N, C-alpha and C. Protein backbone atom coordinates (compact mmCIF):
# COMPACT_ATOMS: atom_id res chain seq x y z
N UNK A 1 -13.24 201.56 207.41
CA UNK A 1 -13.04 200.83 208.67
C UNK A 1 -13.92 199.74 209.31
N UNK A 2 -12.79 199.16 209.46
CA UNK A 2 -13.38 197.68 209.89
C UNK A 2 -14.33 197.69 211.48
N UNK A 3 -15.52 198.09 211.89
CA UNK A 3 -15.92 198.02 213.13
C UNK A 3 -16.15 196.46 213.17
N UNK A 4 -15.72 196.42 214.82
CA UNK A 4 -16.22 194.69 215.60
C UNK A 4 -17.08 195.00 216.97
N UNK A 5 -17.79 193.83 216.94
CA UNK A 5 -18.67 193.93 217.92
C UNK A 5 -18.32 193.09 218.30
N UNK A 6 -18.54 192.73 219.71
CA UNK A 6 -17.74 191.19 220.49
C UNK A 6 -19.35 190.60 220.99
N UNK A 7 -19.36 189.57 221.27
CA UNK A 7 -20.53 188.95 221.67
C UNK A 7 -20.17 187.95 222.04
N UNK A 8 -21.43 187.53 223.43
CA UNK A 8 -21.37 186.20 223.80
C UNK A 8 -21.34 184.72 223.27
N UNK A 9 -20.69 183.58 223.07
CA UNK A 9 -21.21 182.29 222.12
C UNK A 9 -22.14 181.80 223.03
N UNK A 10 -22.97 180.85 222.54
CA UNK A 10 -24.17 180.41 223.03
C UNK A 10 -24.24 179.45 221.80
N UNK A 11 -23.89 179.16 220.78
CA UNK A 11 -23.86 177.77 220.45
C UNK A 11 -22.58 177.56 219.98
N UNK A 12 -22.13 176.28 219.27
CA UNK A 12 -21.30 175.83 218.53
C UNK A 12 -21.00 175.20 217.54
N UNK A 13 -20.55 175.25 216.44
CA UNK A 13 -20.82 175.12 215.09
C UNK A 13 -19.45 174.48 214.63
N UNK A 14 -19.75 173.25 213.44
CA UNK A 14 -18.76 172.65 213.12
C UNK A 14 -18.53 173.26 211.77
N UNK A 15 -17.18 172.97 211.29
CA UNK A 15 -16.52 173.70 209.91
C UNK A 15 -15.59 172.39 209.50
N UNK A 16 -15.61 172.91 208.26
CA UNK A 16 -14.74 171.84 207.76
C UNK A 16 -13.40 173.33 207.17
N UNK A 17 -12.20 172.94 207.27
CA UNK A 17 -11.37 173.72 206.35
C UNK A 17 -10.16 173.16 206.34
N UNK A 18 -9.33 173.52 205.15
CA UNK A 18 -8.07 172.69 204.81
C UNK A 18 -6.73 173.87 204.92
N UNK A 19 -6.40 172.96 205.80
CA UNK A 19 -5.18 173.98 206.30
C UNK A 19 -4.04 174.53 205.29
N UNK A 20 -3.96 174.03 204.32
CA UNK A 20 -2.66 174.57 202.99
C UNK A 20 -3.07 176.27 202.70
N UNK A 21 -2.05 177.17 203.23
CA UNK A 21 -1.68 178.08 203.10
C UNK A 21 -0.92 178.95 201.62
N UNK A 22 -1.19 179.72 201.07
CA UNK A 22 -0.38 180.52 199.33
C UNK A 22 0.82 180.74 199.79
N UNK A 23 1.65 181.12 199.05
CA UNK A 23 2.75 182.07 199.60
C UNK A 23 2.75 183.18 200.37
N UNK A 24 1.82 183.91 200.58
CA UNK A 24 1.56 184.90 201.68
C UNK A 24 0.85 184.81 202.72
N UNK A 25 0.58 183.62 203.10
CA UNK A 25 0.23 182.88 204.83
C UNK A 25 -1.30 183.08 204.55
N UNK A 26 -2.26 182.96 203.73
CA UNK A 26 -3.48 183.01 203.35
C UNK A 26 -3.87 182.11 203.32
N UNK A 27 -5.04 181.42 204.19
CA UNK A 27 -5.83 180.14 203.63
C UNK A 27 -5.84 179.82 202.54
N UNK A 28 -6.06 178.87 201.53
CA UNK A 28 -6.12 178.70 200.44
C UNK A 28 -7.31 178.72 199.85
N UNK A 29 -8.41 177.67 200.89
CA UNK A 29 -9.72 177.61 200.30
C UNK A 29 -10.85 177.96 201.56
N UNK A 30 -11.98 178.30 201.06
CA UNK A 30 -13.14 179.13 202.02
C UNK A 30 -13.26 177.71 203.14
N UNK A 31 -13.44 178.07 204.21
CA UNK A 31 -13.87 177.20 205.38
C UNK A 31 -15.54 176.91 204.94
N UNK A 32 -16.11 175.67 204.84
CA UNK A 32 -17.50 174.93 204.65
C UNK A 32 -18.04 174.59 206.18
N UNK A 33 -19.21 175.42 206.12
CA UNK A 33 -19.99 175.09 206.89
C UNK A 33 -21.11 174.03 207.11
N UNK A 34 -20.78 172.75 208.54
CA UNK A 34 -21.06 171.82 208.40
C UNK A 34 -22.53 171.46 209.65
N UNK A 35 -22.54 172.10 210.65
CA UNK A 35 -23.63 171.88 211.39
C UNK A 35 -23.29 172.42 213.02
N UNK A 36 -24.43 172.06 213.37
CA UNK A 36 -24.68 172.92 214.62
C UNK A 36 -24.31 172.15 215.70
N UNK A 37 -23.28 171.94 216.64
CA UNK A 37 -23.02 170.95 217.59
C UNK A 37 -23.83 170.90 218.89
N UNK A 38 -24.73 170.45 219.24
CA UNK A 38 -25.87 170.63 220.24
C UNK A 38 -24.98 170.13 221.79
N UNK A 39 -24.15 168.93 220.87
CA UNK A 39 -23.76 167.82 221.85
C UNK A 39 -22.06 168.98 223.18
N UNK A 40 -22.00 170.37 222.43
CA UNK A 40 -20.60 170.60 222.97
C UNK A 40 -21.01 172.14 223.32
N UNK A 41 -21.09 172.38 224.55
CA UNK A 41 -20.80 174.23 224.86
C UNK A 41 -19.28 174.85 224.05
N UNK A 42 -20.04 176.28 224.82
CA UNK A 42 -18.88 177.34 223.83
C UNK A 42 -17.72 177.20 224.58
N UNK A 43 -17.99 176.59 226.02
CA UNK A 43 -16.59 176.73 226.85
C UNK A 43 -15.71 175.67 226.86
N UNK A 44 -16.24 174.30 225.68
CA UNK A 44 -15.75 173.15 225.52
C UNK A 44 -14.80 173.08 224.42
N UNK A 45 -14.69 174.83 223.78
CA UNK A 45 -13.99 174.54 222.38
C UNK A 45 -12.86 175.71 222.67
N UNK A 46 -11.34 175.53 222.44
CA UNK A 46 -10.57 176.08 222.35
C UNK A 46 -10.49 177.78 222.21
N UNK A 47 -10.33 178.42 222.47
CA UNK A 47 -10.35 179.73 221.69
C UNK A 47 -8.84 179.61 220.47
N UNK A 48 -9.63 180.87 219.93
CA UNK A 48 -8.34 180.75 218.62
C UNK A 48 -7.14 181.31 218.93
N UNK A 49 -5.92 180.73 218.17
CA UNK A 49 -4.58 181.24 218.31
C UNK A 49 -4.59 182.43 217.82
N UNK A 50 -3.11 183.43 217.97
CA UNK A 50 -2.59 183.94 217.05
C UNK A 50 -2.09 183.62 215.46
N UNK A 51 -2.48 184.23 214.61
CA UNK A 51 -2.26 184.09 213.42
C UNK A 51 -3.30 183.05 212.39
N UNK A 52 -1.96 182.32 212.04
CA UNK A 52 -2.64 180.98 210.67
C UNK A 52 -2.55 179.87 211.30
N UNK A 53 -2.05 180.25 212.56
CA UNK A 53 -1.77 178.57 213.39
C UNK A 53 -3.57 178.52 213.79
N UNK A 54 -3.48 176.79 213.84
CA UNK A 54 -4.85 176.13 214.38
C UNK A 54 -4.57 176.55 215.65
N UNK A 55 -5.57 176.27 216.61
CA UNK A 55 -5.64 176.57 218.12
C UNK A 55 -5.57 174.84 218.83
N UNK A 56 -5.98 173.87 217.82
CA UNK A 56 -5.94 172.24 218.43
C UNK A 56 -6.24 171.60 217.16
N UNK A 57 -5.56 170.69 217.40
CA UNK A 57 -5.89 169.38 216.42
C UNK A 57 -4.99 168.80 215.76
C-alpha cells in the first residue's frame, strides 16, 4: 500500500529531466537535482499536469 502525506511547499527546487518516454509511456531517464531556487516562491511554480505531460515549458 502506498501511503501519501500531503505537505505545504516552502521551498522551490530546480531539477533537470529528459522528456523522452519509453514504449510504455514512462520517463526514460531519472530526474536530477540541480539546486534550491531562493529567487522563486512556491506560488510562482505551475502545478503538475495529469499523466506524463509537462505542466509548462
